[in-house]
């Protein structure tokens, strides 16, 4: 019953905030009828999935199709909606299975828009840097930049895929933590405030919010790529307004 409660809550919030849009949560076994039944408010403009509902254990190693049903793609195609995807597996976008799935489904359902959260989960920067150019030709694959604290995966997306398919997002709960995510070896590591405080005597550093670290990374990427004001405003505003069919 949790999913049904979440859809009711979403619809209530969208009624209270008529200038907002939202996405409903899909489950691996959803049929087309199940997915269509989630569209209980005209401002539900897409679907969200997450690996925790996958049958594979640990779910962090699940393939995309194990937690994102193809029924969501079919409904998104029919109604021109979005799907927000948080990749898992150790190599994220550089994982051959993830990369092949994205290309196959994006080409099969060209009127559905896939949003790859967290710069295609580029917390280990190389996973996005080495793979994102292969998605440049897919106009219906977009990227959000939320919680990414290094500029290099953001730069790779902007370099190869341009500025018209990129959205800044906050991931508000994560952004309110203090610390940052960094690439480390072939993986990633989250540094939190308590980690820094252990070494405070030797390194007097004050941890700021993840959201601020993310904004600094986005700013650095835009600066190094010499993006003009129009491109920056697209990333922070106009692209989202266009994608979700919103009006000023």
C-alpha atoms as a PDB file:
ATOM      1  CA  UNK A   1       0.000   0.000   0.000  1.00  0.00           C
ATOM      2  CA  UNK A   2       2.968   2.361   0.212  1.00  0.00           C
ATOM      3  CA  UNK A   3       2.978   3.111  -3.511  1.00  0.00           C
ATOM      4  CA  UNK A   4      -0.746   3.925  -3.495  1.00  0.00           C
ATOM      5  CA  UNK A   5      -0.204   6.252  -0.531  1.00  0.00           C
ATOM      6  CA  UNK A   6       2.683   7.952  -2.319  1.00  0.00           C
ATOM      7  CA  UNK A   7       0.553   8.598  -5.409  1.00  0.00           C
ATOM      8  CA  UNK A   8      -2.235  10.085  -3.273  1.00  0.00           C
ATOM      9  CA  UNK A   9       0.292  12.307  -1.515  1.00  0.00           C
ATOM     10  CA  UNK A  10       1.797  13.402  -4.833  1.00  0.00           C
ATOM     11  CA  UNK A  11      -1.605  14.292  -6.253  1.00  0.00           C
ATOM     12  CA  UNK A  12      -2.459  16.296  -3.123  1.00  0.00           C
ATOM     13  CA  UNK A  13       0.796  18.233  -3.341  1.00  0.00           C
ATOM     14  CA  UNK A  14       0.315  18.975  -7.034  1.00  0.00           C
ATOM     15  CA  UNK A  15      -3.163  20.309  -6.297  1.00  0.00           C
ATOM     16  CA  UNK A  16      -1.698  22.572  -3.604  1.00  0.00           C
ATOM     17  CA  UNK A  17       1.082  23.695  -5.958  1.00  0.00           C
ATOM     18  CA  UNK A  18      -0.472  24.037  -9.429  1.00  0.00           C
ATOM     19  CA  UNK A  19       2.781  25.350 -10.951  1.00  0.00           C
ATOM     20  CA  UNK A  20       4.627  22.122 -10.029  1.00  0.00           C
ATOM     21  CA  UNK A  21       4.923  18.731 -11.715  1.00  0.00           C
ATOM     22  CA  UNK A  22       5.780  15.318 -10.332  1.00  0.00           C
ATOM     23  CA  UNK A  23       6.573  11.717 -11.201  1.00  0.00           C
ATOM     24  CA  UNK A  24       4.889   8.576  -9.886  1.00  0.00           C
ATOM     25  CA  UNK A  25       6.776   5.521  -8.659  1.00  0.00           C
ATOM     26  CA  UNK A  26       6.666   2.363 -10.773  1.00  0.00           C
ATOM     27  CA  UNK A  27       7.235  -1.230  -9.657  1.00  0.00           C
ATOM     28  CA  UNK A  28       8.911  -4.086 -11.570  1.00  0.00           C
ATOM     29  CA  UNK A  29       5.707  -6.083 -12.141  1.00  0.00           C
ATOM     30  CA  UNK A  30       3.500  -3.165 -13.199  1.00  0.00           C
ATOM     31  CA  UNK A  31       1.350  -3.775 -16.257  1.00  0.00           C
ATOM     32  CA  UNK A  32       0.468  -1.040 -18.733  1.00  0.00           C
ATOM     33  CA  UNK A  33      -2.864  -0.663 -16.907  1.00  0.00           C
ATOM     34  CA  UNK A  34      -1.063  -0.363 -13.540  1.00  0.00           C
ATOM     35  CA  UNK A  35       1.177   2.386 -14.887  1.00  0.00           C
ATOM     36  CA  UNK A  36      -1.672   4.277 -16.530  1.00  0.00           C
ATOM     37  CA  UNK A  37      -3.614   4.151 -13.259  1.00  0.00           C
ATOM     38  CA  UNK A  38      -0.848   6.218 -11.627  1.00  0.00           C
ATOM     39  CA  UNK A  39      -1.700   9.220 -13.798  1.00  0.00           C
ATOM     40  CA  UNK A  40      -4.308  10.538 -11.380  1.00  0.00           C
ATOM     41  CA  UNK A  41      -3.336  14.209 -11.801  1.00  0.00           C
ATOM     42  CA  UNK A  42      -2.628  16.116 -15.028  1.00  0.00           C
ATOM     43  CA  UNK A  43       0.662  17.388 -13.596  1.00  0.00           C
ATOM     44  CA  UNK A  44       2.095  13.908 -13.129  1.00  0.00           C
ATOM     45  CA  UNK A  45       4.461  14.135 -16.080  1.00  0.00           C
ATOM     46  CA  UNK A  46       6.493  10.971 -15.696  1.00  0.00           C
ATOM     47  CA  UNK A  47       7.675   8.013 -13.684  1.00  0.00           C
ATOM     48  CA  UNK A  48      10.452   7.249 -11.214  1.00  0.00           C
ATOM     49  CA  UNK A  49      12.010   3.891 -10.425  1.00  0.00           C
ATOM     50  CA  UNK A  50      14.589   2.764  -7.886  1.00  0.00           C
ATOM     51  CA  UNK A  51      16.732  -0.323  -7.439  1.00  0.00           C
ATOM     52  CA  UNK A  52      15.518  -1.151  -3.920  1.00  0.00           C
ATOM     53  CA  UNK A  53      12.429  -2.888  -5.352  1.00  0.00           C
ATOM     54  CA  UNK A  54      14.465  -5.204  -7.610  1.00  0.00           C
ATOM     55  CA  UNK A  55      14.426  -8.926  -6.951  1.00  0.00           C
ATOM     56  CA  UNK A  56      18.203  -9.225  -7.322  1.00  0.00           C
ATOM     57  CA  UNK A  57      20.228  -9.171  -4.109  1.00  0.00           C
ATOM     58  CA  UNK A  58      22.094  -7.016  -3.489  1.00  0.00           C
ATOM     59  CA  UNK A  59      19.842  -4.638  -5.384  1.00  0.00           C
ATOM     60  CA  UNK A  60      22.825  -2.337  -5.969  1.00  0.00           C
ATOM     61  CA  UNK A  61      23.905  -4.785  -8.699  1.00  0.00           C
ATOM     62  CA  UNK A  62      20.502  -5.065 -10.400  1.00  0.00           C
ATOM     63  CA  UNK A  63      20.039  -4.587 -14.109  1.00  0.00           C
ATOM     64  CA  UNK A  64      17.793  -1.690 -15.101  1.00  0.00           C
ATOM     65  CA  UNK A  65      15.025  -3.949 -16.390  1.00  0.00           C
ATOM     66  CA  UNK A  66      14.778  -5.558 -12.956  1.00  0.00           C
ATOM     67  CA  UNK A  67      13.381  -2.373 -11.399  1.00  0.00           C
ATOM     68  CA  UNK A  68      12.097  -0.380 -14.394  1.00  0.00           C
ATOM     69  CA  UNK A  69       9.254  -2.236 -16.145  1.00  0.00           C
ATOM     70  CA  UNK A  70       8.909  -1.914 -19.904  1.00  0.00           C
ATOM     71  CA  UNK A  71       5.284  -0.984 -19.290  1.00  0.00           C
ATOM     72  CA  UNK A  72       6.527   2.400 -18.027  1.00  0.00           C
ATOM     73  CA  UNK A  73       8.318   2.902 -21.331  1.00  0.00           C
ATOM     74  CA  UNK A  74       5.195   2.016 -23.323  1.00  0.00           C
ATOM     75  CA  UNK A  75       2.999   4.451 -21.394  1.00  0.00           C
ATOM     76  CA  UNK A  76       5.664   7.164 -21.496  1.00  0.00           C
ATOM     77  CA  UNK A  77       5.918   6.651 -25.262  1.00  0.00           C
ATOM     78  CA  UNK A  78       2.169   6.882 -25.766  1.00  0.00           C
ATOM     79  CA  UNK A  79       1.731   9.976 -23.602  1.00  0.00           C
ATOM     80  CA  UNK A  80       5.167  11.591 -24.186  1.00  0.00           C
ATOM     81  CA  UNK A  81       6.206  11.441 -20.535  1.00  0.00           C
ATOM     82  CA  UNK A  82       9.529  11.202 -18.713  1.00  0.00           C
ATOM     83  CA  UNK A  83      11.261   8.428 -16.802  1.00  0.00           C
ATOM     84  CA  UNK A  84      13.860   9.345 -14.172  1.00  0.00           C
ATOM     85  CA  UNK A  85      16.452   6.608 -13.719  1.00  0.00           C
ATOM     86  CA  UNK A  86      19.049   6.280 -10.966  1.00  0.00           C
ATOM     87  CA  UNK A  87      21.620   3.843 -12.357  1.00  0.00           C
ATOM     88  CA  UNK A  88      23.231   1.234 -10.149  1.00  0.00           C
ATOM     89  CA  UNK A  89      25.999  -1.364 -10.617  1.00  0.00           C
ATOM     90  CA  UNK A  90      29.598  -0.506  -9.816  1.00  0.00           C
ATOM     91  CA  UNK A  91      30.428   1.011 -13.196  1.00  0.00           C
ATOM     92  CA  UNK A  92      27.159   2.958 -13.613  1.00  0.00           C
ATOM     93  CA  UNK A  93      26.961   4.216 -17.228  1.00  0.00           C
ATOM     94  CA  UNK A  94      30.216   2.416 -18.097  1.00  0.00           C
ATOM     95  CA  UNK A  95      28.560  -0.910 -17.273  1.00  0.00           C
ATOM     96  CA  UNK A  96      28.017  -2.658 -20.601  1.00  0.00           C
ATOM     97  CA  UNK A  97      24.555  -3.894 -19.620  1.00  0.00           C
ATOM     98  CA  UNK A  98      23.380  -0.470 -18.458  1.00  0.00           C
ATOM     99  CA  UNK A  99      24.770   1.261 -21.540  1.00  0.00           C
ATOM    100  CA  UNK A 100      23.221  -1.228 -23.964  1.00  0.00           C
ATOM    101  CA  UNK A 101      19.834  -1.091 -22.205  1.00  0.00           C
ATOM    102  CA  UNK A 102      19.707   2.713 -22.411  1.00  0.00           C
ATOM    103  CA  UNK A 103      20.523   2.762 -26.119  1.00  0.00           C
ATOM    104  CA  UNK A 104      18.097  -0.040 -26.961  1.00  0.00           C
ATOM    105  CA  UNK A 105      15.121   1.364 -25.058  1.00  0.00           C
ATOM    106  CA  UNK A 106      15.684   5.002 -26.005  1.00  0.00           C
ATOM    107  CA  UNK A 107      15.682   4.021 -29.688  1.00  0.00           C
ATOM    108  CA  UNK A 108      12.678   1.711 -29.273  1.00  0.00           C
ATOM    109  CA  UNK A 109      10.624   4.403 -27.489  1.00  0.00           C
ATOM    110  CA  UNK A 110      11.734   7.742 -29.015  1.00  0.00           C
ATOM    111  CA  UNK A 111       8.811   9.759 -27.621  1.00  0.00           C
ATOM    112  CA  UNK A 112       9.632   8.773 -24.035  1.00  0.00           C
ATOM    113  CA  UNK A 113      12.280  10.917 -22.353  1.00  0.00           C
ATOM    114  CA  UNK A 114      14.804   9.195 -20.100  1.00  0.00           C
ATOM    115  CA  UNK A 115      16.449  11.388 -17.451  1.00  0.00           C
ATOM    116  CA  UNK A 116      19.671   9.900 -16.097  1.00  0.00           C
ATOM    117  CA  UNK A 117      19.919  11.144 -12.528  1.00  0.00           C
ATOM    118  CA  UNK A 118      23.170  12.436 -11.013  1.00  0.00           C
ATOM    119  CA  UNK A 119      24.971  12.945 -14.340  1.00  0.00           C
ATOM    120  CA  UNK A 120      24.260   9.279 -15.162  1.00  0.00           C
ATOM    121  CA  UNK A 121      25.358   8.502 -11.604  1.00  0.00           C
ATOM    122  CA  UNK A 122      28.766   9.975 -12.339  1.00  0.00           C
ATOM    123  CA  UNK A 123      29.934  10.055  -8.712  1.00  0.00           C
ATOM    124  CA  UNK A 124      32.918   8.027  -9.942  1.00  0.00           C
ATOM    125  CA  UNK A 125      33.635  10.579 -12.664  1.00  0.00           C
ATOM    126  CA  UNK A 126      35.289   8.205 -15.143  1.00  0.00           C
ATOM    127  CA  UNK A 127      32.125   6.130 -15.529  1.00  0.00           C
ATOM    128  CA  UNK A 128      30.376   9.061 -17.204  1.00  0.00           C
ATOM    129  CA  UNK A 129      33.436  10.562 -18.896  1.00  0.00           C
ATOM    130  CA  UNK A 130      34.274   7.354 -20.754  1.00  0.00           C
ATOM    131  CA  UNK A 131      30.716   6.455 -21.780  1.00  0.00           C
ATOM    132  CA  UNK A 132      28.503   9.479 -22.305  1.00  0.00           C
ATOM    133  CA  UNK A 133      29.674  10.297 -25.830  1.00  0.00           C
ATOM    134  CA  UNK A 134      27.925   7.112 -26.940  1.00  0.00           C
ATOM    135  CA  UNK A 135      24.556   8.648 -25.993  1.00  0.00           C
ATOM    136  CA  UNK A 136      25.064  11.938 -27.826  1.00  0.00           C
ATOM    137  CA  UNK A 137      22.859  10.900 -30.760  1.00  0.00           C
ATOM    138  CA  UNK A 138      19.861  10.029 -28.550  1.00  0.00           C
ATOM    139  CA  UNK A 139      17.761  13.189 -28.302  1.00  0.00           C
ATOM    140  CA  UNK A 140      15.424  11.602 -25.744  1.00  0.00           C
ATOM    141  CA  UNK A 141      18.183  10.849 -23.216  1.00  0.00           C
ATOM    142  CA  UNK A 142      18.587  13.714 -20.757  1.00  0.00           C
ATOM    143  CA  UNK A 143      20.717  14.266 -17.653  1.00  0.00           C
ATOM    144  CA  UNK A 144      20.209  15.873 -14.278  1.00  0.00           C
ATOM    145  CA  UNK A 145      23.220  17.151 -12.345  1.00  0.00           C
ATOM    146  CA  UNK A 146      21.973  16.752  -8.779  1.00  0.00           C
ATOM    147  CA  UNK A 147      24.465  16.037  -5.974  1.00  0.00           C
ATOM    148  CA  UNK A 148      27.476  15.679  -8.309  1.00  0.00           C
ATOM    149  CA  UNK A 149      30.358  17.477  -6.588  1.00  0.00           C
ATOM    150  CA  UNK A 150      33.054  17.251  -9.270  1.00  0.00           C
ATOM    151  CA  UNK A 151      33.023  19.207 -12.509  1.00  0.00           C
ATOM    152  CA  UNK A 152      34.508  16.593 -14.854  1.00  0.00           C
ATOM    153  CA  UNK A 153      31.428  14.346 -15.387  1.00  0.00           C
ATOM    154  CA  UNK A 154      29.304  17.468 -15.842  1.00  0.00           C
ATOM    155  CA  UNK A 155      31.777  18.791 -18.413  1.00  0.00           C
ATOM    156  CA  UNK A 156      31.708  15.494 -20.295  1.00  0.00           C
ATOM    157  CA  UNK A 157      27.919  15.625 -20.605  1.00  0.00           C
ATOM    158  CA  UNK A 158      27.924  19.246 -21.739  1.00  0.00           C
ATOM    159  CA  UNK A 159      30.783  18.619 -24.184  1.00  0.00           C
ATOM    160  CA  UNK A 160      29.293  15.591 -25.919  1.00  0.00           C
ATOM    161  CA  UNK A 161      25.533  16.039 -25.466  1.00  0.00           C
ATOM    162  CA  UNK A 162      25.224  19.819 -25.412  1.00  0.00           C
ATOM    163  CA  UNK A 163      23.308  22.077 -23.039  1.00  0.00           C
ATOM    164  CA  UNK A 164      19.744  21.504 -24.287  1.00  0.00           C
ATOM    165  CA  UNK A 165      19.228  18.118 -22.559  1.00  0.00           C
ATOM    166  CA  UNK A 166      20.672  18.970 -19.150  1.00  0.00           C
ATOM    167  CA  UNK A 167      18.754  19.869 -15.985  1.00  0.00           C
ATOM    168  CA  UNK A 168      20.053  21.157 -12.699  1.00  0.00           C
ATOM    169  CA  UNK A 169      18.317  19.536  -9.747  1.00  0.00           C
ATOM    170  CA  UNK A 170      18.808  19.734  -6.011  1.00  0.00           C
ATOM    171  CA  UNK A 171      18.001  16.240  -4.692  1.00  0.00           C
ATOM    172  CA  UNK A 172      17.006  18.276  -1.668  1.00  0.00           C
ATOM    173  CA  UNK A 173      17.474  15.738   1.178  1.00  0.00           C
ATOM    174  CA  UNK A 174      20.959  14.821  -0.079  1.00  0.00           C
ATOM    175  CA  UNK A 175      21.881  18.445  -0.707  1.00  0.00           C
ATOM    176  CA  UNK A 176      21.207  19.316   2.927  1.00  0.00           C
ATOM    177  CA  UNK A 177      23.914  16.930   4.199  1.00  0.00           C
ATOM    178  CA  UNK A 178      27.377  18.372   4.818  1.00  0.00           C
ATOM    179  CA  UNK A 179      30.214  16.899   2.789  1.00  0.00           C
ATOM    180  CA  UNK A 180      30.750  15.833  -0.821  1.00  0.00           C
ATOM    181  CA  UNK A 181      31.142  12.822  -3.104  1.00  0.00           C
ATOM    182  CA  UNK A 182      34.539  12.300  -4.744  1.00  0.00           C
ATOM    183  CA  UNK A 183      36.024   9.912  -7.267  1.00  0.00           C
ATOM    184  CA  UNK A 184      38.472   7.561  -5.570  1.00  0.00           C
ATOM    185  CA  UNK A 185      40.363   4.860  -7.431  1.00  0.00           C
ATOM    186  CA  UNK A 186      37.887   3.108  -9.691  1.00  0.00           C
ATOM    187  CA  UNK A 187      34.981   3.970  -7.397  1.00  0.00           C
ATOM    188  CA  UNK A 188      33.595   6.782  -5.274  1.00  0.00           C
ATOM    189  CA  UNK A 189      33.647   7.900  -1.669  1.00  0.00           C
ATOM    190  CA  UNK A 190      31.281  10.125   0.285  1.00  0.00           C
ATOM    191  CA  UNK A 191      33.078  12.432   2.726  1.00  0.00           C
ATOM    192  CA  UNK A 192      30.732  13.601   5.468  1.00  0.00           C
ATOM    193  CA  UNK A 193      31.069  16.230   8.152  1.00  0.00           C
ATOM    194  CA  UNK A 194      31.891  13.638  10.825  1.00  0.00           C
ATOM    195  CA  UNK A 195      34.760  12.284   8.691  1.00  0.00           C
ATOM    196  CA  UNK A 196      36.321  15.730   8.487  1.00  0.00           C
ATOM    197  CA  UNK A 197      35.853  16.395  12.195  1.00  0.00           C
ATOM    198  CA  UNK A 198      37.994  13.370  13.059  1.00  0.00           C
ATOM    199  CA  UNK A 199      40.992  15.181  11.590  1.00  0.00           C
ATOM    200  CA  UNK A 200      39.989  18.686  12.576  1.00  0.00           C
ATOM    201  CA  UNK A 201      43.081  19.335  14.649  1.00  0.00           C
ATOM    202  CA  UNK A 202      45.327  18.701  11.660  1.00  0.00           C
ATOM    203  CA  UNK A 203      43.096  20.134   8.930  1.00  0.00           C
ATOM    204  CA  UNK A 204      40.785  22.939  10.092  1.00  0.00           C
ATOM    205  CA  UNK A 205      38.192  22.562   7.324  1.00  0.00           C
ATOM    206  CA  UNK A 206      34.539  23.462   7.661  1.00  0.00           C
ATOM    207  CA  UNK A 207      32.248  21.177   5.653  1.00  0.00           C
ATOM    208  CA  UNK A 208      29.606  22.919   3.598  1.00  0.00           C
ATOM    209  CA  UNK A 209      26.386  21.530   2.149  1.00  0.00           C
ATOM    210  CA  UNK A 210      26.421  18.935  -0.624  1.00  0.00           C
ATOM    211  CA  UNK A 211      24.100  21.269  -2.520  1.00  0.00           C
ATOM    212  CA  UNK A 212      26.704  24.029  -2.436  1.00  0.00           C
ATOM    213  CA  UNK A 213      29.482  21.634  -3.484  1.00  0.00           C
ATOM    214  CA  UNK A 214      27.264  20.654  -6.410  1.00  0.00           C
ATOM    215  CA  UNK A 215      26.648  24.269  -7.415  1.00  0.00           C
ATOM    216  CA  UNK A 216      30.387  24.966  -7.280  1.00  0.00           C
ATOM    217  CA  UNK A 217      31.023  21.971  -9.562  1.00  0.00           C
ATOM    218  CA  UNK A 218      28.351  23.107 -12.035  1.00  0.00           C
ATOM    219  CA  UNK A 219      29.771  26.634 -11.995  1.00  0.00           C
ATOM    220  CA  UNK A 220      33.295  25.332 -12.600  1.00  0.00           C
ATOM    221  CA  UNK A 221      32.120  23.206 -15.536  1.00  0.00           C
ATOM    222  CA  UNK A 222      30.254  26.122 -17.108  1.00  0.00           C
ATOM    223  CA  UNK A 223      33.246  28.420 -16.611  1.00  0.00           C
ATOM    224  CA  UNK A 224      35.799  26.015 -18.076  1.00  0.00           C
ATOM    225  CA  UNK A 225      33.575  25.362 -21.108  1.00  0.00           C
ATOM    226  CA  UNK A 226      32.959  29.105 -21.605  1.00  0.00           C
ATOM    227  CA  UNK A 227      29.190  28.689 -21.573  1.00  0.00           C
ATOM    228  CA  UNK A 228      27.277  31.909 -22.076  1.00  0.00           C
ATOM    229  CA  UNK A 229      24.463  33.147 -19.877  1.00  0.00           C
ATOM    230  CA  UNK A 230      21.796  31.716 -22.178  1.00  0.00           C
ATOM    231  CA  UNK A 231      23.204  28.197 -21.863  1.00  0.00           C
ATOM    232  CA  UNK A 232      23.447  28.481 -18.087  1.00  0.00           C
ATOM    233  CA  UNK A 233      19.843  29.696 -17.867  1.00  0.00           C
ATOM    234  CA  UNK A 234      18.784  26.757 -20.026  1.00  0.00           C
ATOM    235  CA  UNK A 235      20.408  24.314 -17.583  1.00  0.00           C
ATOM    236  CA  UNK A 236      18.840  25.925 -14.535  1.00  0.00           C
ATOM    237  CA  UNK A 237      15.436  26.842 -15.941  1.00  0.00           C
ATOM    238  CA  UNK A 238      14.395  26.800 -19.587  1.00  0.00           C
ATOM    239  CA  UNK A 239      15.164  23.132 -20.335  1.00  0.00           C
ATOM    240  CA  UNK A 240      12.963  21.957 -17.475  1.00  0.00           C
ATOM    241  CA  UNK A 241      10.156  24.288 -18.485  1.00  0.00           C
ATOM    242  CA  UNK A 242      10.297  22.906 -22.019  1.00  0.00           C
ATOM    243  CA  UNK A 243      10.604  19.252 -21.042  1.00  0.00           C
ATOM    244  CA  UNK A 244       7.730  19.285 -18.560  1.00  0.00           C
ATOM    245  CA  UNK A 245       5.560  21.557 -20.710  1.00  0.00           C
ATOM    246  CA  UNK A 246       5.354  24.311 -18.100  1.00  0.00           C
ATOM    247  CA  UNK A 247       4.448  27.954 -18.645  1.00  0.00           C
ATOM    248  CA  UNK A 248       5.865  31.040 -16.929  1.00  0.00           C
END
